[in-house]
N, C-alpha and C. Protein backbone atom coordinates (compact mmCIF):
# COMPACT_ATOMS: atom_id res chain seq x y z
N UNK A 1 10.72 -32.44 -8.98
CA UNK A 1 9.62 -31.64 -9.51
C UNK A 1 8.30 -32.30 -9.11
N UNK A 2 7.29 -31.50 -8.80
CA UNK A 2 6.00 -32.04 -8.38
C UNK A 2 5.27 -32.67 -9.56
N UNK A 3 4.61 -33.78 -9.29
CA UNK A 3 3.81 -34.43 -10.32
C UNK A 3 2.52 -33.65 -10.53
N UNK A 4 1.80 -33.98 -11.59
CA UNK A 4 0.52 -33.34 -11.87
C UNK A 4 -0.45 -33.56 -10.71
N UNK A 5 -0.42 -34.75 -10.14
CA UNK A 5 -1.30 -35.06 -9.01
C UNK A 5 -0.92 -34.23 -7.77
N UNK A 6 0.37 -34.09 -7.50
CA UNK A 6 0.81 -33.29 -6.36
C UNK A 6 0.43 -31.82 -6.53
N UNK A 7 0.59 -31.31 -7.76
CA UNK A 7 0.20 -29.92 -8.03
C UNK A 7 -1.30 -29.74 -7.84
N UNK A 8 -2.09 -30.75 -8.21
CA UNK A 8 -3.54 -30.68 -8.05
C UNK A 8 -3.92 -30.68 -6.57
N UNK A 9 -3.23 -31.50 -5.76
CA UNK A 9 -3.47 -31.54 -4.31
C UNK A 9 -3.13 -30.18 -3.70
N UNK A 10 -2.01 -29.62 -4.10
CA UNK A 10 -1.56 -28.32 -3.58
C UNK A 10 -2.58 -27.23 -3.93
N UNK A 11 -3.05 -27.23 -5.17
CA UNK A 11 -4.03 -26.22 -5.62
C UNK A 11 -5.37 -26.40 -4.91
N UNK A 12 -5.80 -27.64 -4.74
CA UNK A 12 -7.07 -27.90 -4.06
C UNK A 12 -7.04 -27.39 -2.61
N UNK A 13 -5.90 -27.63 -1.94
CA UNK A 13 -5.75 -27.15 -0.57
C UNK A 13 -5.77 -25.62 -0.54
N UNK A 14 -5.03 -24.99 -1.46
CA UNK A 14 -4.98 -23.52 -1.52
C UNK A 14 -6.39 -22.94 -1.71
N UNK A 15 -7.13 -23.52 -2.62
CA UNK A 15 -8.47 -23.01 -2.92
C UNK A 15 -9.41 -23.21 -1.74
N UNK A 16 -9.36 -24.39 -1.12
CA UNK A 16 -10.23 -24.68 0.02
C UNK A 16 -9.92 -23.74 1.19
N UNK A 17 -8.63 -23.56 1.49
CA UNK A 17 -8.25 -22.68 2.60
C UNK A 17 -8.60 -21.22 2.29
N UNK A 18 -8.40 -20.81 1.04
CA UNK A 18 -8.75 -19.43 0.63
C UNK A 18 -10.23 -19.16 0.84
N UNK A 19 -11.06 -20.10 0.42
CA UNK A 19 -12.51 -19.90 0.53
C UNK A 19 -12.98 -19.94 1.98
N UNK A 20 -12.26 -20.65 2.84
CA UNK A 20 -12.56 -20.63 4.27
C UNK A 20 -12.16 -19.30 4.91
N UNK A 21 -11.01 -18.77 4.47
CA UNK A 21 -10.49 -17.53 5.06
C UNK A 21 -11.16 -16.27 4.52
N UNK A 22 -11.65 -16.33 3.29
CA UNK A 22 -12.21 -15.14 2.65
C UNK A 22 -13.31 -14.45 3.47
N UNK A 23 -14.32 -15.18 3.98
CA UNK A 23 -15.36 -14.49 4.77
C UNK A 23 -14.82 -13.86 6.05
N UNK A 24 -13.77 -14.46 6.60
CA UNK A 24 -13.18 -13.95 7.85
C UNK A 24 -12.30 -12.73 7.59
N UNK A 25 -11.55 -12.75 6.48
CA UNK A 25 -10.56 -11.71 6.22
C UNK A 25 -11.02 -10.58 5.30
N UNK A 26 -12.13 -10.75 4.60
CA UNK A 26 -12.55 -9.75 3.63
C UNK A 26 -12.77 -8.38 4.27
N UNK A 27 -13.54 -8.32 5.35
CA UNK A 27 -13.80 -7.04 6.02
C UNK A 27 -12.53 -6.41 6.58
N UNK A 28 -11.68 -7.16 7.31
CA UNK A 28 -10.42 -6.57 7.77
C UNK A 28 -9.55 -6.04 6.63
N UNK A 29 -9.50 -6.78 5.50
CA UNK A 29 -8.70 -6.31 4.36
C UNK A 29 -9.25 -4.99 3.83
N UNK A 30 -10.58 -4.91 3.68
CA UNK A 30 -11.20 -3.67 3.18
C UNK A 30 -10.94 -2.50 4.13
N UNK A 31 -11.04 -2.75 5.43
CA UNK A 31 -10.78 -1.69 6.42
C UNK A 31 -9.31 -1.25 6.37
N UNK A 32 -8.41 -2.20 6.22
CA UNK A 32 -6.99 -1.86 6.14
C UNK A 32 -6.67 -1.09 4.86
N UNK A 33 -7.36 -1.41 3.76
CA UNK A 33 -7.16 -0.65 2.52
C UNK A 33 -7.59 0.80 2.74
N UNK A 34 -8.72 1.00 3.44
CA UNK A 34 -9.19 2.36 3.74
C UNK A 34 -8.19 3.09 4.63
N UNK A 35 -7.71 2.42 5.68
CA UNK A 35 -6.72 3.03 6.58
C UNK A 35 -5.43 3.37 5.84
N UNK A 36 -4.97 2.46 4.98
CA UNK A 36 -3.75 2.70 4.21
C UNK A 36 -3.95 3.86 3.23
N UNK A 37 -5.15 3.98 2.67
CA UNK A 37 -5.46 5.10 1.76
C UNK A 37 -5.39 6.42 2.51
N UNK A 38 -5.99 6.47 3.68
CA UNK A 38 -5.96 7.69 4.50
C UNK A 38 -4.53 8.02 4.91
N UNK A 39 -3.80 6.99 5.33
CA UNK A 39 -2.44 7.18 5.84
C UNK A 39 -1.47 7.65 4.77
N UNK A 40 -1.53 7.03 3.58
CA UNK A 40 -0.55 7.35 2.53
C UNK A 40 -1.03 8.40 1.54
N UNK A 41 -2.34 8.73 1.62
CA UNK A 41 -2.97 9.67 0.69
C UNK A 41 -2.90 9.17 -0.76
N UNK A 42 -2.81 7.85 -0.92
CA UNK A 42 -2.89 7.17 -2.21
C UNK A 42 -3.76 5.95 -2.01
N UNK A 43 -4.23 5.36 -3.12
CA UNK A 43 -5.06 4.16 -3.01
C UNK A 43 -4.31 3.12 -2.18
N UNK A 44 -4.97 2.60 -1.15
CA UNK A 44 -4.34 1.73 -0.16
C UNK A 44 -3.99 0.33 -0.63
N UNK A 45 -4.46 -0.06 -1.81
CA UNK A 45 -4.09 -1.37 -2.35
C UNK A 45 -3.01 -1.16 -3.40
N UNK A 46 -1.87 -1.78 -3.17
CA UNK A 46 -0.70 -1.61 -4.02
C UNK A 46 -0.51 -2.88 -4.85
N UNK A 47 -0.17 -2.74 -6.12
CA UNK A 47 0.14 -3.91 -6.94
C UNK A 47 1.47 -3.70 -7.63
N UNK A 48 2.17 -4.81 -7.85
CA UNK A 48 3.49 -4.75 -8.47
C UNK A 48 3.70 -6.01 -9.28
N UNK A 49 4.39 -5.88 -10.40
CA UNK A 49 4.63 -7.03 -11.26
C UNK A 49 5.69 -7.94 -10.64
N UNK A 50 5.37 -9.24 -10.58
CA UNK A 50 6.30 -10.24 -10.03
C UNK A 50 6.37 -11.43 -10.97
N UNK A 51 7.40 -12.24 -10.76
CA UNK A 51 7.61 -13.44 -11.57
C UNK A 51 6.92 -14.62 -10.90
N UNK A 52 6.04 -15.28 -11.65
CA UNK A 52 5.28 -16.40 -11.11
C UNK A 52 5.72 -17.74 -11.66
N UNK A 53 4.82 -18.71 -11.55
CA UNK A 53 5.08 -20.06 -12.01
C UNK A 53 5.44 -20.07 -13.50
N UNK A 54 6.44 -20.85 -13.86
CA UNK A 54 6.94 -20.97 -15.25
C UNK A 54 7.45 -19.64 -15.79
N UNK A 55 7.78 -18.70 -14.89
CA UNK A 55 8.33 -17.41 -15.30
C UNK A 55 7.29 -16.42 -15.80
N UNK A 56 5.99 -16.77 -15.67
CA UNK A 56 4.94 -15.83 -16.12
C UNK A 56 4.82 -14.68 -15.13
N UNK A 57 4.62 -13.48 -15.67
CA UNK A 57 4.48 -12.31 -14.83
C UNK A 57 3.03 -12.16 -14.36
N UNK A 58 2.86 -11.68 -13.13
CA UNK A 58 1.52 -11.41 -12.60
C UNK A 58 1.63 -10.22 -11.65
N UNK A 59 0.48 -9.68 -11.28
CA UNK A 59 0.46 -8.54 -10.35
C UNK A 59 0.16 -9.05 -8.95
N UNK A 60 1.10 -8.80 -8.04
CA UNK A 60 0.93 -9.19 -6.64
C UNK A 60 0.23 -8.03 -5.92
N UNK A 61 -0.63 -8.37 -4.96
CA UNK A 61 -1.36 -7.35 -4.20
C UNK A 61 -0.82 -7.25 -2.79
N UNK A 62 -0.67 -6.01 -2.33
CA UNK A 62 -0.25 -5.73 -0.96
C UNK A 62 -0.95 -4.47 -0.49
N UNK A 63 -0.95 -4.26 0.81
CA UNK A 63 -1.42 -2.99 1.34
C UNK A 63 -0.32 -1.97 1.15
N UNK A 64 -0.68 -0.76 0.77
CA UNK A 64 0.33 0.29 0.56
C UNK A 64 0.89 0.72 1.91
N UNK A 65 2.22 0.72 2.00
CA UNK A 65 2.88 1.08 3.27
C UNK A 65 3.80 2.28 3.14
N UNK A 66 4.07 2.71 1.91
CA UNK A 66 4.99 3.83 1.69
C UNK A 66 4.22 5.10 1.35
N UNK A 67 4.72 6.21 1.84
CA UNK A 67 4.11 7.50 1.50
C UNK A 67 5.19 8.45 1.03
N UNK A 68 4.76 9.49 0.33
CA UNK A 68 5.70 10.48 -0.19
C UNK A 68 5.67 11.73 0.68
N UNK A 69 6.84 12.25 0.94
CA UNK A 69 6.95 13.50 1.67
C UNK A 69 7.75 14.49 0.84
N UNK A 70 7.39 15.75 0.93
CA UNK A 70 8.09 16.77 0.14
C UNK A 70 9.52 16.92 0.64
N UNK A 71 10.43 17.15 -0.28
CA UNK A 71 11.84 17.35 0.02
C UNK A 71 12.16 18.82 -0.21
N UNK A 72 13.19 19.32 0.41
CA UNK A 72 13.54 20.75 0.31
C UNK A 72 13.78 21.20 -1.13
N UNK A 73 14.31 20.32 -1.96
CA UNK A 73 14.65 20.71 -3.33
C UNK A 73 13.54 20.42 -4.33
N UNK A 74 12.32 20.24 -3.81
CA UNK A 74 11.20 19.98 -4.69
C UNK A 74 11.05 18.53 -5.10
N UNK A 75 11.98 17.67 -4.62
CA UNK A 75 11.88 16.24 -4.89
C UNK A 75 11.03 15.60 -3.81
N UNK A 76 10.78 14.30 -3.95
CA UNK A 76 9.98 13.59 -2.97
C UNK A 76 10.79 12.50 -2.28
N UNK A 77 10.63 12.42 -0.98
CA UNK A 77 11.19 11.30 -0.22
C UNK A 77 10.10 10.26 -0.07
N UNK A 78 10.44 9.01 -0.26
CA UNK A 78 9.49 7.92 -0.05
C UNK A 78 9.91 7.19 1.22
N UNK A 79 8.95 7.03 2.14
CA UNK A 79 9.28 6.38 3.41
C UNK A 79 8.06 5.63 3.93
N UNK A 80 8.33 4.67 4.80
CA UNK A 80 7.24 3.90 5.42
C UNK A 80 6.66 4.73 6.57
N UNK A 81 5.35 4.87 6.58
CA UNK A 81 4.68 5.58 7.66
C UNK A 81 4.70 4.71 8.91
N UNK A 82 4.24 5.26 10.04
CA UNK A 82 4.16 4.47 11.28
C UNK A 82 3.25 3.27 11.07
N UNK A 83 2.10 3.50 10.44
CA UNK A 83 1.18 2.40 10.15
C UNK A 83 1.83 1.42 9.19
N UNK A 84 2.52 1.95 8.17
CA UNK A 84 3.19 1.10 7.19
C UNK A 84 4.24 0.21 7.83
N UNK A 85 5.01 0.77 8.76
CA UNK A 85 6.03 -0.02 9.45
C UNK A 85 5.39 -1.15 10.25
N UNK A 86 4.27 -0.85 10.89
CA UNK A 86 3.55 -1.87 11.67
C UNK A 86 3.02 -2.97 10.74
N UNK A 87 2.43 -2.56 9.63
CA UNK A 87 1.89 -3.54 8.67
C UNK A 87 2.99 -4.43 8.11
N UNK A 88 4.15 -3.84 7.85
CA UNK A 88 5.27 -4.62 7.30
C UNK A 88 5.85 -5.57 8.35
N UNK A 89 6.03 -5.04 9.56
CA UNK A 89 6.63 -5.85 10.62
C UNK A 89 5.78 -7.07 10.95
N UNK A 90 4.46 -6.88 10.94
CA UNK A 90 3.54 -7.98 11.28
C UNK A 90 3.14 -8.80 10.05
N UNK A 91 3.62 -8.38 8.86
CA UNK A 91 3.31 -9.03 7.59
C UNK A 91 1.83 -8.92 7.21
N UNK A 92 1.09 -8.07 7.89
CA UNK A 92 -0.34 -7.86 7.59
C UNK A 92 -0.50 -7.22 6.21
N UNK A 93 0.55 -6.52 5.74
CA UNK A 93 0.48 -5.88 4.42
C UNK A 93 0.32 -6.91 3.31
N UNK A 94 0.55 -8.19 3.62
CA UNK A 94 0.46 -9.24 2.60
C UNK A 94 -0.91 -9.93 2.57
N UNK A 95 -1.83 -9.53 3.43
CA UNK A 95 -3.16 -10.15 3.44
C UNK A 95 -3.87 -10.15 2.08
N UNK A 96 -3.77 -9.06 1.29
CA UNK A 96 -4.45 -9.07 -0.02
C UNK A 96 -3.95 -10.16 -0.97
N UNK A 97 -2.82 -10.79 -0.66
CA UNK A 97 -2.33 -11.88 -1.51
C UNK A 97 -3.26 -13.09 -1.46
N UNK A 98 -4.21 -13.07 -0.54
CA UNK A 98 -5.26 -14.08 -0.53
C UNK A 98 -5.96 -14.12 -1.89
N UNK A 99 -6.14 -12.94 -2.50
CA UNK A 99 -6.79 -12.86 -3.82
C UNK A 99 -5.89 -13.44 -4.91
N UNK A 100 -4.56 -13.28 -4.76
CA UNK A 100 -3.63 -13.91 -5.71
C UNK A 100 -3.74 -15.43 -5.64
N UNK A 101 -3.96 -15.95 -4.42
CA UNK A 101 -4.12 -17.40 -4.25
C UNK A 101 -5.42 -17.85 -4.90
N UNK A 102 -6.50 -17.12 -4.66
CA UNK A 102 -7.80 -17.47 -5.24
C UNK A 102 -7.73 -17.45 -6.77
N UNK A 103 -7.01 -16.46 -7.31
CA UNK A 103 -6.88 -16.34 -8.77
C UNK A 103 -5.94 -17.40 -9.38
N UNK A 104 -5.27 -18.17 -8.51
CA UNK A 104 -4.38 -19.22 -9.00
C UNK A 104 -3.00 -18.74 -9.38
N UNK A 105 -2.65 -17.52 -8.97
CA UNK A 105 -1.33 -16.97 -9.29
C UNK A 105 -0.29 -17.32 -8.23
N UNK A 106 -0.78 -17.57 -7.01
CA UNK A 106 0.10 -17.88 -5.89
C UNK A 106 -0.44 -19.06 -5.11
N UNK A 107 0.40 -19.56 -4.21
CA UNK A 107 0.04 -20.63 -3.30
C UNK A 107 0.26 -20.09 -1.88
N UNK A 108 -0.28 -20.77 -0.88
CA UNK A 108 0.03 -20.35 0.48
C UNK A 108 1.50 -20.59 0.81
N UNK A 109 2.06 -21.68 0.27
CA UNK A 109 3.47 -22.02 0.54
C UNK A 109 4.21 -22.18 -0.78
N UNK A 110 5.40 -21.59 -0.84
CA UNK A 110 6.24 -21.70 -2.03
C UNK A 110 7.33 -20.65 -1.98
N UNK A 111 8.16 -20.59 -2.99
CA UNK A 111 9.18 -19.53 -3.05
C UNK A 111 8.49 -18.16 -3.16
N UNK A 112 9.02 -17.15 -2.49
CA UNK A 112 8.44 -15.82 -2.61
C UNK A 112 8.57 -15.34 -4.05
N UNK A 113 7.53 -14.66 -4.57
CA UNK A 113 7.62 -14.15 -5.95
C UNK A 113 8.55 -12.94 -6.02
N UNK A 114 9.53 -13.01 -6.89
CA UNK A 114 10.52 -11.94 -7.00
C UNK A 114 10.18 -10.96 -8.11
N UNK A 115 10.80 -9.80 -8.01
CA UNK A 115 10.69 -8.81 -9.09
C UNK A 115 11.49 -9.34 -10.28
N UNK A 116 11.22 -8.80 -11.43
CA UNK A 116 11.93 -9.20 -12.65
C UNK A 116 13.44 -8.97 -12.46
N UNK A 117 14.22 -9.94 -12.93
CA UNK A 117 15.68 -9.82 -12.82
C UNK A 117 16.29 -10.83 -11.89
N UNK A 118 15.45 -11.66 -11.26
CA UNK A 118 15.97 -12.69 -10.35
C UNK A 118 15.48 -14.08 -10.80
N UNK A 119 14.29 -14.47 -10.34
CA UNK A 119 13.80 -15.82 -10.66
C UNK A 119 13.70 -16.07 -12.16
N UNK A 120 13.35 -15.04 -12.92
CA UNK A 120 13.22 -15.21 -14.37
C UNK A 120 14.57 -15.43 -15.04
N UNK A 121 15.66 -15.17 -14.33
CA UNK A 121 17.01 -15.34 -14.87
C UNK A 121 17.66 -16.65 -14.43
N UNK A 122 16.92 -17.47 -13.68
CA UNK A 122 17.47 -18.75 -13.23
C UNK A 122 17.80 -19.64 -14.43
N UNK A 123 18.84 -20.45 -14.28
CA UNK A 123 19.27 -21.34 -15.36
C UNK A 123 19.44 -22.76 -14.87
N UNK A 124 19.41 -23.70 -15.80
CA UNK A 124 19.67 -25.11 -15.49
C UNK A 124 18.74 -25.68 -14.43
N UNK A 125 19.32 -26.45 -13.50
CA UNK A 125 18.54 -27.11 -12.44
C UNK A 125 17.82 -26.12 -11.54
N UNK A 126 18.35 -24.89 -11.44
CA UNK A 126 17.73 -23.88 -10.56
C UNK A 126 16.31 -23.52 -11.02
N UNK A 127 16.01 -23.75 -12.29
CA UNK A 127 14.69 -23.38 -12.81
C UNK A 127 13.56 -24.24 -12.23
N UNK A 128 13.91 -25.28 -11.49
CA UNK A 128 12.90 -26.09 -10.82
C UNK A 128 12.07 -25.23 -9.86
N UNK A 129 12.67 -24.16 -9.37
CA UNK A 129 11.98 -23.23 -8.47
C UNK A 129 10.74 -22.65 -9.14
N UNK A 130 10.80 -22.48 -10.47
CA UNK A 130 9.69 -21.89 -11.22
C UNK A 130 8.59 -22.91 -11.57
N UNK A 131 8.79 -24.17 -11.20
CA UNK A 131 7.80 -25.20 -11.52
C UNK A 131 6.59 -25.16 -10.60
N UNK A 132 6.70 -24.43 -9.47
CA UNK A 132 5.58 -24.30 -8.53
C UNK A 132 5.15 -22.83 -8.46
N UNK A 133 3.94 -22.62 -7.97
CA UNK A 133 3.47 -21.25 -7.79
C UNK A 133 4.22 -20.61 -6.64
N UNK A 134 4.51 -19.32 -6.75
CA UNK A 134 5.16 -18.64 -5.63
C UNK A 134 4.22 -18.60 -4.43
N UNK A 135 4.80 -18.50 -3.25
CA UNK A 135 3.99 -18.59 -2.03
C UNK A 135 3.99 -17.35 -1.17
N UNK A 136 2.97 -17.26 -0.34
CA UNK A 136 2.90 -16.19 0.67
C UNK A 136 3.97 -16.43 1.72
N UNK A 137 4.19 -17.69 2.03
CA UNK A 137 5.25 -18.07 2.96
C UNK A 137 6.00 -19.26 2.39
N UNK A 138 7.10 -19.62 3.04
CA UNK A 138 7.91 -20.75 2.60
C UNK A 138 9.16 -20.82 3.44
N UNK A 139 9.99 -21.84 3.22
CA UNK A 139 11.19 -21.98 4.05
C UNK A 139 12.17 -20.82 3.93
N UNK A 140 12.37 -20.29 2.73
CA UNK A 140 13.29 -19.16 2.57
C UNK A 140 12.70 -17.89 3.19
N UNK A 141 11.38 -17.73 3.08
CA UNK A 141 10.70 -16.58 3.68
C UNK A 141 10.87 -16.60 5.19
N UNK A 142 10.74 -17.78 5.78
CA UNK A 142 10.88 -17.91 7.23
C UNK A 142 12.32 -17.64 7.66
N UNK A 143 13.29 -18.16 6.91
CA UNK A 143 14.69 -17.93 7.28
C UNK A 143 15.05 -16.45 7.20
N UNK A 144 14.53 -15.76 6.19
CA UNK A 144 14.87 -14.35 5.98
C UNK A 144 13.71 -13.43 6.35
N UNK A 145 13.01 -13.76 7.43
CA UNK A 145 11.87 -12.93 7.83
C UNK A 145 12.31 -11.51 8.24
N UNK A 146 13.56 -11.35 8.65
CA UNK A 146 14.08 -10.03 9.01
C UNK A 146 15.08 -9.56 7.95
N UNK A 147 14.78 -9.85 6.69
CA UNK A 147 15.69 -9.52 5.59
C UNK A 147 15.99 -8.02 5.51
N UNK A 148 14.97 -7.19 5.71
CA UNK A 148 15.16 -5.73 5.66
C UNK A 148 16.20 -5.27 6.67
N UNK A 149 16.11 -5.83 7.89
CA UNK A 149 17.06 -5.47 8.95
C UNK A 149 18.46 -5.93 8.58
N UNK A 150 18.56 -7.17 8.09
CA UNK A 150 19.85 -7.73 7.69
C UNK A 150 20.50 -6.89 6.59
N UNK A 151 19.70 -6.49 5.60
CA UNK A 151 20.25 -5.68 4.50
C UNK A 151 20.66 -4.29 4.97
N UNK A 152 19.91 -3.73 5.93
CA UNK A 152 20.23 -2.38 6.42
C UNK A 152 21.56 -2.35 7.17
N UNK A 153 22.05 -3.52 7.58
CA UNK A 153 23.31 -3.59 8.33
C UNK A 153 24.52 -3.76 7.40
N UNK A 154 24.27 -3.87 6.10
CA UNK A 154 25.35 -4.11 5.15
C UNK A 154 25.86 -2.81 4.53
N UNK A 155 27.16 -2.77 4.24
CA UNK A 155 27.75 -1.60 3.59
C UNK A 155 27.19 -1.44 2.18
N UNK A 156 26.97 -2.57 1.49
CA UNK A 156 26.40 -2.56 0.14
C UNK A 156 25.25 -3.56 0.11
N UNK A 157 24.03 -3.12 0.47
CA UNK A 157 22.89 -4.04 0.57
C UNK A 157 22.59 -4.79 -0.72
N UNK A 158 22.69 -4.12 -1.87
CA UNK A 158 22.39 -4.77 -3.15
C UNK A 158 23.37 -5.90 -3.43
N UNK A 159 24.66 -5.64 -3.19
CA UNK A 159 25.67 -6.66 -3.42
C UNK A 159 25.46 -7.84 -2.47
N UNK A 160 25.16 -7.55 -1.21
CA UNK A 160 24.94 -8.62 -0.23
C UNK A 160 23.73 -9.46 -0.60
N UNK A 161 22.66 -8.80 -1.05
CA UNK A 161 21.47 -9.52 -1.49
C UNK A 161 21.80 -10.45 -2.67
N UNK A 162 22.48 -9.88 -3.67
CA UNK A 162 22.74 -10.64 -4.90
C UNK A 162 23.78 -11.75 -4.72
N UNK A 163 24.75 -11.56 -3.81
CA UNK A 163 25.83 -12.54 -3.67
C UNK A 163 25.65 -13.51 -2.51
N UNK A 164 24.82 -13.15 -1.52
CA UNK A 164 24.66 -14.02 -0.35
C UNK A 164 23.21 -14.50 -0.19
N UNK A 165 22.28 -13.56 -0.05
CA UNK A 165 20.90 -13.93 0.25
C UNK A 165 20.23 -14.65 -0.92
N UNK A 166 20.30 -14.07 -2.12
CA UNK A 166 19.61 -14.65 -3.27
C UNK A 166 20.09 -16.08 -3.58
N UNK A 167 21.42 -16.35 -3.65
CA UNK A 167 21.84 -17.73 -3.90
C UNK A 167 21.36 -18.70 -2.81
N UNK A 168 21.33 -18.25 -1.56
CA UNK A 168 20.86 -19.11 -0.47
C UNK A 168 19.36 -19.38 -0.61
N UNK A 169 18.60 -18.37 -1.00
CA UNK A 169 17.16 -18.56 -1.22
C UNK A 169 16.91 -19.58 -2.33
N UNK A 170 17.68 -19.50 -3.39
CA UNK A 170 17.53 -20.44 -4.50
C UNK A 170 17.78 -21.86 -4.01
N UNK A 171 18.84 -22.04 -3.22
CA UNK A 171 19.18 -23.37 -2.68
C UNK A 171 18.06 -23.90 -1.79
N UNK A 172 17.54 -23.04 -0.91
CA UNK A 172 16.45 -23.42 0.00
C UNK A 172 15.19 -23.77 -0.79
N UNK A 173 14.86 -22.95 -1.79
CA UNK A 173 13.64 -23.17 -2.58
C UNK A 173 13.74 -24.43 -3.45
N UNK A 174 14.94 -24.72 -3.96
CA UNK A 174 15.14 -25.96 -4.72
C UNK A 174 14.88 -27.16 -3.81
N UNK A 175 15.41 -27.11 -2.62
CA UNK A 175 15.23 -28.22 -1.66
C UNK A 175 13.74 -28.39 -1.33
N UNK A 176 13.03 -27.26 -1.19
CA UNK A 176 11.59 -27.32 -0.90
C UNK A 176 10.85 -28.04 -2.02
N UNK A 177 11.12 -27.64 -3.28
CA UNK A 177 10.42 -28.25 -4.42
C UNK A 177 10.78 -29.73 -4.55
N UNK A 178 12.07 -30.04 -4.39
CA UNK A 178 12.52 -31.43 -4.54
C UNK A 178 11.97 -32.36 -3.46
N UNK A 179 11.66 -31.79 -2.28
CA UNK A 179 11.19 -32.62 -1.16
C UNK A 179 9.76 -32.29 -0.75
N UNK A 180 8.96 -31.73 -1.68
CA UNK A 180 7.62 -31.28 -1.34
C UNK A 180 6.75 -32.42 -0.82
N UNK A 181 5.95 -32.07 0.19
CA UNK A 181 4.88 -32.96 0.66
C UNK A 181 3.79 -32.07 1.25
N UNK A 182 2.59 -32.61 1.33
CA UNK A 182 1.48 -31.87 1.91
C UNK A 182 1.80 -31.51 3.36
N UNK A 183 2.43 -32.45 4.08
CA UNK A 183 2.81 -32.21 5.48
C UNK A 183 3.82 -31.07 5.59
N UNK A 184 4.73 -30.98 4.61
CA UNK A 184 5.72 -29.91 4.62
C UNK A 184 5.02 -28.55 4.50
N UNK A 185 4.03 -28.45 3.61
CA UNK A 185 3.28 -27.19 3.47
C UNK A 185 2.56 -26.84 4.78
N UNK A 186 1.93 -27.83 5.39
CA UNK A 186 1.24 -27.58 6.67
C UNK A 186 2.22 -27.09 7.74
N UNK A 187 3.40 -27.70 7.77
CA UNK A 187 4.44 -27.29 8.72
C UNK A 187 4.86 -25.85 8.50
N UNK A 188 5.04 -25.47 7.23
CA UNK A 188 5.44 -24.09 6.89
C UNK A 188 4.37 -23.08 7.32
N UNK A 189 3.10 -23.45 7.12
CA UNK A 189 1.99 -22.57 7.50
C UNK A 189 1.96 -22.40 9.02
N UNK A 190 2.11 -23.49 9.75
CA UNK A 190 2.10 -23.43 11.22
C UNK A 190 3.28 -22.64 11.75
N UNK A 191 4.46 -22.81 11.15
CA UNK A 191 5.64 -22.05 11.57
C UNK A 191 5.44 -20.55 11.31
N UNK A 192 4.81 -20.24 10.19
CA UNK A 192 4.55 -18.83 9.85
C UNK A 192 3.59 -18.19 10.83
N UNK A 193 2.56 -18.94 11.24
CA UNK A 193 1.60 -18.42 12.23
C UNK A 193 2.30 -18.21 13.56
N UNK A 194 3.16 -19.16 13.94
CA UNK A 194 3.88 -19.07 15.22
C UNK A 194 4.86 -17.91 15.25
N UNK A 195 5.40 -17.56 14.08
CA UNK A 195 6.36 -16.45 14.00
C UNK A 195 5.64 -15.15 13.81
């Protein structure tokens, strides 16, 4: 588990990098929100409740990538638009998470924040994963960067996620927390940029 000093170093780095990136990324983020609004015909900034540090819930920000289309029976189909697919594939849809980092809800590097029903249900030694802020990137995120494709190839995607991917992510994230260093975070950021 990270010491108070290590957590302070991690937070200081996150804040410094956020404030450096904000002037560069603010205009592109605003333009992408406008484009996503036009494309999906809904507000282009999407928020969803996720599990954060110590199991506290917070709202994660993303660019909206899904739109609704009318179905023959009066129901709605939800699908990723062409723009949405591009934003997801390039991970640009996650740029608004810069604000989650500034607000202190996320870190640049850490376990990805999960929806309720996963990280909040961790028990015993596995709960060490919740001792750090969730990250925009991290070792498990890099390993499963094509998770959507992998799940689409499974006969039962939910079962495969719950029995194979999720336990592996927990193992990877535990190792990250147990072996954390500032150099490790820098390495994860550089690997993410390269990918």
